[in-house]
């Protein structure tokens, strides 16, 4: 019984870490895409 609880808790911990990594990756990606878009707009307006 105790081993089963430990295994479940470890699985939940892994899933939480994966979700956090995916969350940060998506935020980082959106920031990068916004930055690239801003640079493109600046180039466009300078022309």
C-alpha atoms as a PDB file:
ATOM      1  CA  UNK A   1       0.000   0.000   0.000  1.00  0.00           C
ATOM      2  CA  UNK A   2       2.756   2.458   0.952  1.00  0.00           C
ATOM      3  CA  UNK A   3       4.761   1.645  -2.188  1.00  0.00           C
ATOM      4  CA  UNK A   4       1.696   2.238  -4.370  1.00  0.00           C
ATOM      5  CA  UNK A   5       1.176   5.674  -2.803  1.00  0.00           C
ATOM      6  CA  UNK A   6       4.824   6.592  -3.371  1.00  0.00           C
ATOM      7  CA  UNK A   7       4.621   5.513  -6.998  1.00  0.00           C
ATOM      8  CA  UNK A   8       1.471   7.558  -7.607  1.00  0.00           C
ATOM      9  CA  UNK A   9       2.982  10.600  -5.927  1.00  0.00           C
ATOM     10  CA  UNK A  10       6.133  10.278  -8.048  1.00  0.00           C
ATOM     11  CA  UNK A  11       4.026  10.020 -11.218  1.00  0.00           C
ATOM     12  CA  UNK A  12       2.057  13.144 -10.261  1.00  0.00           C
ATOM     13  CA  UNK A  13       5.332  14.971  -9.561  1.00  0.00           C
ATOM     14  CA  UNK A  14       6.687  14.040 -12.992  1.00  0.00           C
ATOM     15  CA  UNK A  15       3.525  15.239 -14.690  1.00  0.00           C
ATOM     16  CA  UNK A  16       3.620  18.535 -12.771  1.00  0.00           C
ATOM     17  CA  UNK A  17       7.241  19.128 -13.810  1.00  0.00           C
ATOM     18  CA  UNK A  18       6.442  18.319 -17.445  1.00  0.00           C
ATOM     19  CA  UNK A  19       3.443  20.667 -17.421  1.00  0.00           C
ATOM     20  CA  UNK A  20       5.578  23.446 -15.924  1.00  0.00           C
ATOM     21  CA  UNK A  21       8.284  22.940 -18.583  1.00  0.00           C
ATOM     22  CA  UNK A  22       5.687  22.990 -21.375  1.00  0.00           C
ATOM     23  CA  UNK A  23       4.098  26.112 -19.845  1.00  0.00           C
ATOM     24  CA  UNK A  24       7.418  27.973 -19.699  1.00  0.00           C
ATOM     25  CA  UNK A  25       8.372  26.783 -23.205  1.00  0.00           C
ATOM     26  CA  UNK A  26       5.098  28.128 -24.629  1.00  0.00           C
ATOM     27  CA  UNK A  27       5.527  31.465 -22.823  1.00  0.00           C
ATOM     28  CA  UNK A  28       9.112  31.732 -24.050  1.00  0.00           C
ATOM     29  CA  UNK A  29       8.044  30.889 -27.605  1.00  0.00           C
ATOM     30  CA  UNK A  30       5.288  33.511 -27.572  1.00  0.00           C
ATOM     31  CA  UNK A  31       7.731  36.146 -26.261  1.00  0.00           C
ATOM     32  CA  UNK A  32      10.224  35.268 -29.025  1.00  0.00           C
ATOM     33  CA  UNK A  33       7.549  35.395 -31.732  1.00  0.00           C
ATOM     34  CA  UNK A  34       6.332  38.776 -30.427  1.00  0.00           C
ATOM     35  CA  UNK A  35       9.931  40.064 -30.494  1.00  0.00           C
ATOM     36  CA  UNK A  36      10.451  38.841 -34.085  1.00  0.00           C
ATOM     37  CA  UNK A  37       7.147  40.388 -35.153  1.00  0.00           C
ATOM     38  CA  UNK A  38       8.141  43.701 -33.569  1.00  0.00           C
ATOM     39  CA  UNK A  39      11.478  43.650 -35.416  1.00  0.00           C
ATOM     40  CA  UNK A  40       9.698  42.957 -38.697  1.00  0.00           C
ATOM     41  CA  UNK A  41       7.304  45.854 -38.083  1.00  0.00           C
ATOM     42  CA  UNK A  42      10.214  48.182 -37.301  1.00  0.00           C
ATOM     43  CA  UNK A  43      11.939  47.205 -40.565  1.00  0.00           C
ATOM     44  CA  UNK A  44       8.692  47.693 -42.476  1.00  0.00           C
ATOM     45  CA  UNK A  45       8.068  51.169 -41.043  1.00  0.00           C
ATOM     46  CA  UNK A  46      11.642  52.304 -41.671  1.00  0.00           C
ATOM     47  CA  UNK A  47      11.319  51.605 -45.405  1.00  0.00           C
END
